[in-house]
Amino acid sequence: MGFTDFVNDMGLQTLESWLRTRSYIAGYGPSQADVATFKALKSTPEPAEYPHAFRWYKHLSSHESEFGSLPGDPSKSHTAYGPEQSELPINPKAPTAAPAAEADEDEDDLFGSDESEDEEAKKVKEANLAAYKKKKEGKVKPAAKSVVTLEVKPWDDETDMKALEKNMRSIEIDGLTWGASKLVPVGYGISKLQVTLVVEDEKVSIDDLQGQIEGDEDHVQSTDVAAMQKL
């Protein structure tokens, strides 16, 4: 009896135990035994739960383009590999004959009760879990940004539009980037200033920005948001 179905914990635990002291499923290099077992897995083993199986899976995936040329019998199923019946966990409550019980105890001593090995596996799991959490926490999501078109209206046709724009662009806020601008005629010789800007949503309040622009009372009558779009 070899490996069983990998969709449950028992099958994955068997694979984890098998790879704890091995680099490959059979032999000392990648073969069709690894290919069959690799293909039988539905997804990558969780590194925190199955660190040895995860290490083997990631390593074998680097040979995926060579699967067809690896040595071995490609017709064999993954169940043809792995532990024999005698190596699988045994239910200690099951009734057995005395000689068999003694054999079980010997086997437990050799394969099942190595406390130092269990402790080492626990340390590996904890280290992998800590590294995974640190990597996940280190990922910084890109800041949400918006493209805004503002219209700045002067008092009259005698307003110095160059001074108006200079004062407006002198406003500096973390997360604010000024873009292109142009004068748009509105009638009676008056033109409004239309300017495009990019803001980080969490850092820049459009209402506050409009208030600062309108603070230039010598030049600015009012401001309006003509358009806004998320990046």
C-alpha atoms as a PDB file:
ATOM      1  CA  MET A   1       0.000   0.000   0.000  1.00  0.00           C
ATOM      2  CA  GLY A   2       1.421   3.429  -0.975  1.00  0.00           C
ATOM      3  CA  PHE A   3       0.064   6.970  -0.850  1.00  0.00           C
ATOM      4  CA  THR A   4      -3.696   7.459  -0.664  1.00  0.00           C
ATOM      5  CA  ASP A   5      -5.966  10.304  -1.653  1.00  0.00           C
ATOM      6  CA  PHE A   6      -4.372  13.724  -0.952  1.00  0.00           C
ATOM      7  CA  VAL A   7      -7.685  15.553  -0.546  1.00  0.00           C
ATOM      8  CA  ASN A   8      -7.789  14.788   3.186  1.00  0.00           C
ATOM      9  CA  ASP A   9      -5.404  15.486   6.057  1.00  0.00           C
ATOM     10  CA  MET A  10      -4.415  11.834   6.478  1.00  0.00           C
ATOM     11  CA  GLY A  11      -3.093  11.627   2.919  1.00  0.00           C
ATOM     12  CA  LEU A  12      -1.150  14.892   3.267  1.00  0.00           C
ATOM     13  CA  GLN A  13       0.220  13.884   6.660  1.00  0.00           C
ATOM     14  CA  THR A  14       1.483  10.643   5.116  1.00  0.00           C
ATOM     15  CA  LEU A  15       3.235  12.607   2.363  1.00  0.00           C
ATOM     16  CA  GLU A  16       4.687  15.036   4.932  1.00  0.00           C
ATOM     17  CA  SER A  17       6.029  12.174   7.033  1.00  0.00           C
ATOM     18  CA  TRP A  18       7.502  10.462   3.967  1.00  0.00           C
ATOM     19  CA  LEU A  19       9.359  13.602   2.836  1.00  0.00           C
ATOM     20  CA  ARG A  20      10.617  14.496   6.291  1.00  0.00           C
ATOM     21  CA  THR A  21      13.772  12.436   5.656  1.00  0.00           C
ATOM     22  CA  ARG A  22      13.724  12.410   1.834  1.00  0.00           C
ATOM     23  CA  SER A  23      14.312  14.908  -0.951  1.00  0.00           C
ATOM     24  CA  TYR A  24      12.352  12.899  -3.527  1.00  0.00           C
ATOM     25  CA  ILE A  25       9.575  10.308  -3.541  1.00  0.00           C
ATOM     26  CA  ALA A  26      11.932   7.578  -4.732  1.00  0.00           C
ATOM     27  CA  GLY A  27      15.685   7.570  -5.223  1.00  0.00           C
ATOM     28  CA  TYR A  28      18.040  10.537  -5.150  1.00  0.00           C
ATOM     29  CA  GLY A  29      16.709  12.627  -8.014  1.00  0.00           C
ATOM     30  CA  PRO A  30      13.415  13.661  -9.634  1.00  0.00           C
ATOM     31  CA  SER A  31      11.619  10.810 -11.379  1.00  0.00           C
ATOM     32  CA  GLN A  32       8.207   9.674 -12.597  1.00  0.00           C
ATOM     33  CA  ALA A  33       7.421   8.777  -8.980  1.00  0.00           C
ATOM     34  CA  ASP A  34       7.614  12.487  -8.162  1.00  0.00           C
ATOM     35  CA  VAL A  35       5.617  13.406 -11.273  1.00  0.00           C
ATOM     36  CA  ALA A  36       2.746  11.031 -10.400  1.00  0.00           C
ATOM     37  CA  THR A  37       2.621  12.277  -6.811  1.00  0.00           C
ATOM     38  CA  PHE A  38       2.898  15.926  -7.869  1.00  0.00           C
ATOM     39  CA  LYS A  39      -0.021  15.565 -10.300  1.00  0.00           C
ATOM     40  CA  ALA A  40      -2.142  13.800  -7.659  1.00  0.00           C
ATOM     41  CA  LEU A  41      -2.033  16.905  -5.450  1.00  0.00           C
ATOM     42  CA  LYS A  42      -4.908  19.312  -6.051  1.00  0.00           C
ATOM     43  CA  SER A  43      -2.986  22.357  -4.779  1.00  0.00           C
ATOM     44  CA  THR A  44       0.250  23.437  -3.135  1.00  0.00           C
ATOM     45  CA  PRO A  45       0.594  22.013   0.424  1.00  0.00           C
ATOM     46  CA  GLU A  46       0.250  24.647   3.138  1.00  0.00           C
ATOM     47  CA  PRO A  47       3.792  25.612   4.289  1.00  0.00           C
ATOM     48  CA  ALA A  48       2.711  26.044   7.902  1.00  0.00           C
ATOM     49  CA  GLU A  49       1.084  22.603   8.119  1.00  0.00           C
ATOM     50  CA  TYR A  50       3.245  20.578   5.732  1.00  0.00           C
ATOM     51  CA  PRO A  51       6.683  22.261   5.473  1.00  0.00           C
ATOM     52  CA  HIS A  52       8.512  19.248   4.000  1.00  0.00           C
ATOM     53  CA  ALA A  53       5.795  18.537   1.429  1.00  0.00           C
ATOM     54  CA  PHE A  54       5.705  22.241   0.567  1.00  0.00           C
ATOM     55  CA  ARG A  55       9.502  22.320   0.068  1.00  0.00           C
ATOM     56  CA  TRP A  56       9.362  19.249  -2.194  1.00  0.00           C
ATOM     57  CA  TYR A  57       6.399  20.617  -4.195  1.00  0.00           C
ATOM     58  CA  LYS A  58       8.074  23.992  -4.866  1.00  0.00           C
ATOM     59  CA  HIS A  59      11.321  22.290  -5.857  1.00  0.00           C
ATOM     60  CA  LEU A  60       9.603  19.826  -8.194  1.00  0.00           C
ATOM     61  CA  SER A  61       7.587  22.599  -9.861  1.00  0.00           C
ATOM     62  CA  SER A  62      10.902  23.954 -11.178  1.00  0.00           C
ATOM     63  CA  HIS A  63      11.284  20.673 -13.134  1.00  0.00           C
ATOM     64  CA  GLU A  64       7.727  20.770 -14.547  1.00  0.00           C
ATOM     65  CA  SER A  65       8.953  21.384 -18.107  1.00  0.00           C
ATOM     66  CA  GLU A  66      11.057  18.185 -17.839  1.00  0.00           C
ATOM     67  CA  PHE A  67       8.307  15.882 -16.518  1.00  0.00           C
ATOM     68  CA  GLY A  68       8.069  13.936 -19.767  1.00  0.00           C
ATOM     69  CA  SER A  69      11.791  13.144 -19.834  1.00  0.00           C
ATOM     70  CA  LEU A  70      12.309  12.165 -16.200  1.00  0.00           C
ATOM     71  CA  PRO A  71      13.268   8.506 -15.570  1.00  0.00           C
ATOM     72  CA  GLY A  72      10.764   5.930 -14.373  1.00  0.00           C
ATOM     73  CA  ASP A  73       7.433   4.423 -15.406  1.00  0.00           C
ATOM     74  CA  PRO A  74       4.929   7.183 -16.266  1.00  0.00           C
ATOM     75  CA  SER A  75       2.040   4.681 -16.280  1.00  0.00           C
ATOM     76  CA  LYS A  76       2.251   4.078 -12.533  1.00  0.00           C
ATOM     77  CA  SER A  77      -0.158   5.825 -10.191  1.00  0.00           C
ATOM     78  CA  HIS A  78       1.035   7.766  -7.150  1.00  0.00           C
ATOM     79  CA  THR A  79      -0.436   4.967  -5.007  1.00  0.00           C
ATOM     80  CA  ALA A  80       2.407   2.743  -6.201  1.00  0.00           C
ATOM     81  CA  TYR A  81       4.827   4.863  -4.165  1.00  0.00           C
ATOM     82  CA  GLY A  82       5.181   5.882  -0.559  1.00  0.00           C
ATOM     83  CA  PRO A  83       5.113   3.916   2.697  1.00  0.00           C
ATOM     84  CA  GLU A  84       4.345   0.225   2.927  1.00  0.00           C
ATOM     85  CA  GLN A  85       1.537  -1.011   5.179  1.00  0.00           C
ATOM     86  CA  SER A  86       4.019  -1.598   8.005  1.00  0.00           C
ATOM     87  CA  GLU A  87       5.072   2.042   7.924  1.00  0.00           C
ATOM     88  CA  LEU A  88       1.580   3.504   8.213  1.00  0.00           C
ATOM     89  CA  PRO A  89       0.182   4.625  11.597  1.00  0.00           C
ATOM     90  CA  ILE A  90      -1.377   1.771  13.598  1.00  0.00           C
ATOM     91  CA  ASN A  91      -4.423   2.068  15.844  1.00  0.00           C
ATOM     92  CA  PRO A  92      -3.145   1.176  19.338  1.00  0.00           C
ATOM     93  CA  LYS A  93      -6.678   0.179  20.449  1.00  0.00           C
ATOM     94  CA  ALA A  94      -7.053  -2.494  17.784  1.00  0.00           C
ATOM     95  CA  PRO A  95      -6.910  -6.053  19.198  1.00  0.00           C
ATOM     96  CA  THR A  96      -3.764  -7.872  18.107  1.00  0.00           C
ATOM     97  CA  ALA A  97      -1.881 -11.013  19.003  1.00  0.00           C
ATOM     98  CA  ALA A  98       0.973 -10.722  21.477  1.00  0.00           C
ATOM     99  CA  PRO A  99       3.801 -11.129  18.915  1.00  0.00           C
ATOM    100  CA  ALA A 100       2.227  -8.495  16.704  1.00  0.00           C
ATOM    101  CA  ALA A 101       1.935  -6.122  19.667  1.00  0.00           C
ATOM    102  CA  GLU A 102       5.644  -6.514  20.370  1.00  0.00           C
ATOM    103  CA  ALA A 103       6.439  -5.766  16.735  1.00  0.00           C
ATOM    104  CA  ASP A 104       4.274  -2.659  16.915  1.00  0.00           C
ATOM    105  CA  GLU A 105       6.159  -1.432  19.968  1.00  0.00           C
ATOM    106  CA  ASP A 106       9.483  -1.910  18.221  1.00  0.00           C
ATOM    107  CA  GLU A 107       8.187  -0.079  15.178  1.00  0.00           C
ATOM    108  CA  ASP A 108       6.881   2.768  17.331  1.00  0.00           C
ATOM    109  CA  ASP A 109      10.322   3.086  18.876  1.00  0.00           C
ATOM    110  CA  LEU A 110      11.955   3.323  15.470  1.00  0.00           C
ATOM    111  CA  PHE A 111       9.507   5.512  13.587  1.00  0.00           C
ATOM    112  CA  GLY A 112       6.769   6.912  15.814  1.00  0.00           C
ATOM    113  CA  SER A 113       8.199   8.259  19.052  1.00  0.00           C
ATOM    114  CA  ASP A 114      11.239  10.271  18.071  1.00  0.00           C
ATOM    115  CA  GLU A 115      10.485  13.265  20.261  1.00  0.00           C
ATOM    116  CA  SER A 116      13.493  15.214  19.025  1.00  0.00           C
ATOM    117  CA  GLU A 117      12.294  14.773  15.413  1.00  0.00           C
ATOM    118  CA  ASP A 118       8.780  15.906  16.338  1.00  0.00           C
ATOM    119  CA  GLU A 119      10.208  18.924  18.145  1.00  0.00           C
ATOM    120  CA  GLU A 120      12.341  19.796  15.114  1.00  0.00           C
ATOM    121  CA  ALA A 121       9.338  19.524  12.790  1.00  0.00           C
ATOM    122  CA  LYS A 122       7.363  21.780  15.137  1.00  0.00           C
ATOM    123  CA  LYS A 123      10.141  24.385  15.035  1.00  0.00           C
ATOM    124  CA  VAL A 124      10.218  24.245  11.223  1.00  0.00           C
ATOM    125  CA  LYS A 125       6.436  24.752  11.065  1.00  0.00           C
ATOM    126  CA  GLU A 126       6.583  27.692  13.470  1.00  0.00           C
ATOM    127  CA  ALA A 127       9.461  29.302  11.555  1.00  0.00           C
ATOM    128  CA  ASN A 128       7.661  28.882   8.231  1.00  0.00           C
ATOM    129  CA  LEU A 129       4.442  30.279   9.673  1.00  0.00           C
ATOM    130  CA  ALA A 130       6.258  33.303  11.127  1.00  0.00           C
ATOM    131  CA  ALA A 131       8.000  33.951   7.795  1.00  0.00           C
ATOM    132  CA  TYR A 132       4.702  33.651   5.925  1.00  0.00           C
ATOM    133  CA  LYS A 133       2.953  36.109   8.274  1.00  0.00           C
ATOM    134  CA  LYS A 134       5.849  38.567   8.051  1.00  0.00           C
ATOM    135  CA  LYS A 135       5.818  38.423   4.255  1.00  0.00           C
ATOM    136  CA  LYS A 136       2.048  38.912   4.176  1.00  0.00           C
ATOM    137  CA  GLU A 137       2.206  41.871   6.569  1.00  0.00           C
ATOM    138  CA  GLY A 138       5.035  43.405   4.552  1.00  0.00           C
ATOM    139  CA  LYS A 139       2.910  43.738   1.453  1.00  0.00           C
ATOM    140  CA  VAL A 140       1.736  47.323   1.192  1.00  0.00           C
ATOM    141  CA  LYS A 141      -1.380  47.994  -0.804  1.00  0.00           C
ATOM    142  CA  PRO A 142      -1.041  50.814  -3.342  1.00  0.00           C
ATOM    143  CA  ALA A 143      -2.642  54.056  -2.205  1.00  0.00           C
ATOM    144  CA  ALA A 144      -6.078  54.801  -3.682  1.00  0.00           C
ATOM    145  CA  LYS A 145      -5.865  57.809  -5.983  1.00  0.00           C
ATOM    146  CA  SER A 146      -8.275  60.003  -7.924  1.00  0.00           C
ATOM    147  CA  VAL A 147      -7.914  62.294 -10.934  1.00  0.00           C
ATOM    148  CA  VAL A 148      -9.787  65.558 -10.343  1.00  0.00           C
ATOM    149  CA  THR A 149     -10.623  68.410 -12.716  1.00  0.00           C
ATOM    150  CA  LEU A 150     -11.173  71.686 -10.881  1.00  0.00           C
ATOM    151  CA  GLU A 151     -12.622  74.894 -12.293  1.00  0.00           C
ATOM    152  CA  VAL A 152     -11.412  78.096 -10.655  1.00  0.00           C
ATOM    153  CA  LYS A 153     -13.543  81.149 -11.395  1.00  0.00           C
ATOM    154  CA  PRO A 154     -12.122  84.709 -11.176  1.00  0.00           C
ATOM    155  CA  TRP A 155     -14.021  87.853 -10.132  1.00  0.00           C
ATOM    156  CA  ASP A 156     -14.031  89.536 -13.510  1.00  0.00           C
ATOM    157  CA  ASP A 157     -12.173  90.044 -16.768  1.00  0.00           C
ATOM    158  CA  GLU A 158      -9.548  92.190 -15.036  1.00  0.00           C
ATOM    159  CA  THR A 159      -8.410  89.418 -12.685  1.00  0.00           C
ATOM    160  CA  ASP A 160      -4.743  88.500 -13.146  1.00  0.00           C
ATOM    161  CA  MET A 161      -5.097  84.836 -14.127  1.00  0.00           C
ATOM    162  CA  LYS A 162      -1.356  84.216 -14.061  1.00  0.00           C
ATOM    163  CA  ALA A 163      -1.164  85.363 -10.459  1.00  0.00           C
ATOM    164  CA  LEU A 164      -4.259  83.306  -9.667  1.00  0.00           C
ATOM    165  CA  GLU A 165      -2.658  80.152 -11.050  1.00  0.00           C
ATOM    166  CA  LYS A 166       0.696  80.878  -9.400  1.00  0.00           C
ATOM    167  CA  ASN A 167      -0.971  81.233  -5.990  1.00  0.00           C
ATOM    168  CA  MET A 168      -3.004  78.073  -6.564  1.00  0.00           C
ATOM    169  CA  ARG A 169       0.047  75.978  -7.519  1.00  0.00           C
ATOM    170  CA  SER A 170       1.946  77.259  -4.484  1.00  0.00           C
ATOM    171  CA  ILE A 171      -0.357  75.106  -2.350  1.00  0.00           C
ATOM    172  CA  GLU A 172       1.578  72.015  -1.286  1.00  0.00           C
ATOM    173  CA  ILE A 173      -0.104  69.014   0.348  1.00  0.00           C
ATOM    174  CA  ASP A 174       1.318  65.535   0.833  1.00  0.00           C
ATOM    175  CA  GLY A 175      -0.461  63.339  -1.749  1.00  0.00           C
ATOM    176  CA  LEU A 176      -1.315  66.235  -4.122  1.00  0.00           C
ATOM    177  CA  THR A 177       0.166  66.443  -7.633  1.00  0.00           C
ATOM    178  CA  TRP A 178      -0.740  69.350  -9.879  1.00  0.00           C
ATOM    179  CA  GLY A 179      -1.284  68.611 -13.571  1.00  0.00           C
ATOM    180  CA  ALA A 180      -2.047  70.517 -16.754  1.00  0.00           C
ATOM    181  CA  SER A 181      -4.243  73.602 -16.824  1.00  0.00           C
ATOM    182  CA  LYS A 182      -5.948  75.814 -19.399  1.00  0.00           C
ATOM    183  CA  LEU A 183      -8.154  78.897 -19.632  1.00  0.00           C
ATOM    184  CA  VAL A 184     -11.744  78.277 -20.708  1.00  0.00           C
ATOM    185  CA  PRO A 185     -13.773  81.277 -21.919  1.00  0.00           C
ATOM    186  CA  VAL A 186     -17.124  81.758 -20.166  1.00  0.00           C
ATOM    187  CA  GLY A 187     -18.278  85.019 -21.769  1.00  0.00           C
ATOM    188  CA  TYR A 188     -17.936  88.812 -21.493  1.00  0.00           C
ATOM    189  CA  GLY A 189     -14.170  88.496 -21.784  1.00  0.00           C
ATOM    190  CA  ILE A 190     -13.951  86.341 -18.661  1.00  0.00           C
ATOM    191  CA  SER A 191     -12.154  82.990 -18.617  1.00  0.00           C
ATOM    192  CA  LYS A 192     -12.080  80.397 -15.864  1.00  0.00           C
ATOM    193  CA  LEU A 193      -8.996  78.305 -15.042  1.00  0.00           C
ATOM    194  CA  GLN A 194      -9.464  74.557 -15.532  1.00  0.00           C
ATOM    195  CA  VAL A 195      -6.778  72.438 -13.866  1.00  0.00           C
ATOM    196  CA  THR A 196      -6.225  68.686 -13.566  1.00  0.00           C
ATOM    197  CA  LEU A 197      -4.676  67.181 -10.446  1.00  0.00           C
ATOM    198  CA  VAL A 198      -4.066  63.773  -8.870  1.00  0.00           C
ATOM    199  CA  VAL A 199      -4.735  63.186  -5.169  1.00  0.00           C
ATOM    200  CA  GLU A 200      -4.242  60.304  -2.742  1.00  0.00           C
ATOM    201  CA  ASP A 201      -7.714  59.820  -1.316  1.00  0.00           C
ATOM    202  CA  GLU A 202      -6.609  59.193   2.274  1.00  0.00           C
ATOM    203  CA  LYS A 203      -4.298  62.210   2.407  1.00  0.00           C
ATOM    204  CA  VAL A 204      -6.071  64.969   0.491  1.00  0.00           C
ATOM    205  CA  SER A 205      -9.546  66.384   1.115  1.00  0.00           C
ATOM    206  CA  ILE A 206     -10.924  68.072  -2.001  1.00  0.00           C
ATOM    207  CA  ASP A 207     -13.135  70.293   0.162  1.00  0.00           C
ATOM    208  CA  ASP A 208     -10.105  71.495   2.136  1.00  0.00           C
ATOM    209  CA  LEU A 209      -8.144  72.055  -1.078  1.00  0.00           C
ATOM    210  CA  GLN A 210     -10.971  74.141  -2.537  1.00  0.00           C
ATOM    211  CA  GLY A 211     -11.053  76.154   0.679  1.00  0.00           C
ATOM    212  CA  GLN A 212      -7.336  76.921   0.386  1.00  0.00           C
ATOM    213  CA  ILE A 213      -7.686  77.988  -3.252  1.00  0.00           C
ATOM    214  CA  GLU A 214     -10.671  80.194  -2.422  1.00  0.00           C
ATOM    215  CA  GLY A 215      -8.553  81.744   0.328  1.00  0.00           C
ATOM    216  CA  ASP A 216      -6.958  83.821  -2.446  1.00  0.00           C
ATOM    217  CA  GLU A 217      -9.838  86.286  -2.236  1.00  0.00           C
ATOM    218  CA  ASP A 218      -8.129  88.900  -4.423  1.00  0.00           C
ATOM    219  CA  HIS A 219      -8.328  86.602  -7.437  1.00  0.00           C
ATOM    220  CA  VAL A 220     -10.713  83.688  -6.786  1.00  0.00           C
ATOM    221  CA  GLN A 221     -14.475  84.001  -6.680  1.00  0.00           C
ATOM    222  CA  SER A 222     -15.276  80.269  -6.377  1.00  0.00           C
ATOM    223  CA  THR A 223     -14.220  76.739  -7.335  1.00  0.00           C
ATOM    224  CA  ASP A 224     -16.115  73.730  -8.633  1.00  0.00           C
ATOM    225  CA  VAL A 225     -15.274  70.050  -9.209  1.00  0.00           C
ATOM    226  CA  ALA A 226     -15.901  69.499 -12.916  1.00  0.00           C
ATOM    227  CA  ALA A 227     -14.907  65.796 -12.929  1.00  0.00           C
ATOM    228  CA  MET A 228     -13.477  63.126 -10.663  1.00  0.00           C
ATOM    229  CA  GLN A 229     -12.349  59.616 -11.522  1.00  0.00           C
ATOM    230  CA  LYS A 230     -10.661  56.864  -9.512  1.00  0.00           C
ATOM    231  CA  LEU A 231      -7.318  55.625 -10.798  1.00  0.00           C
END
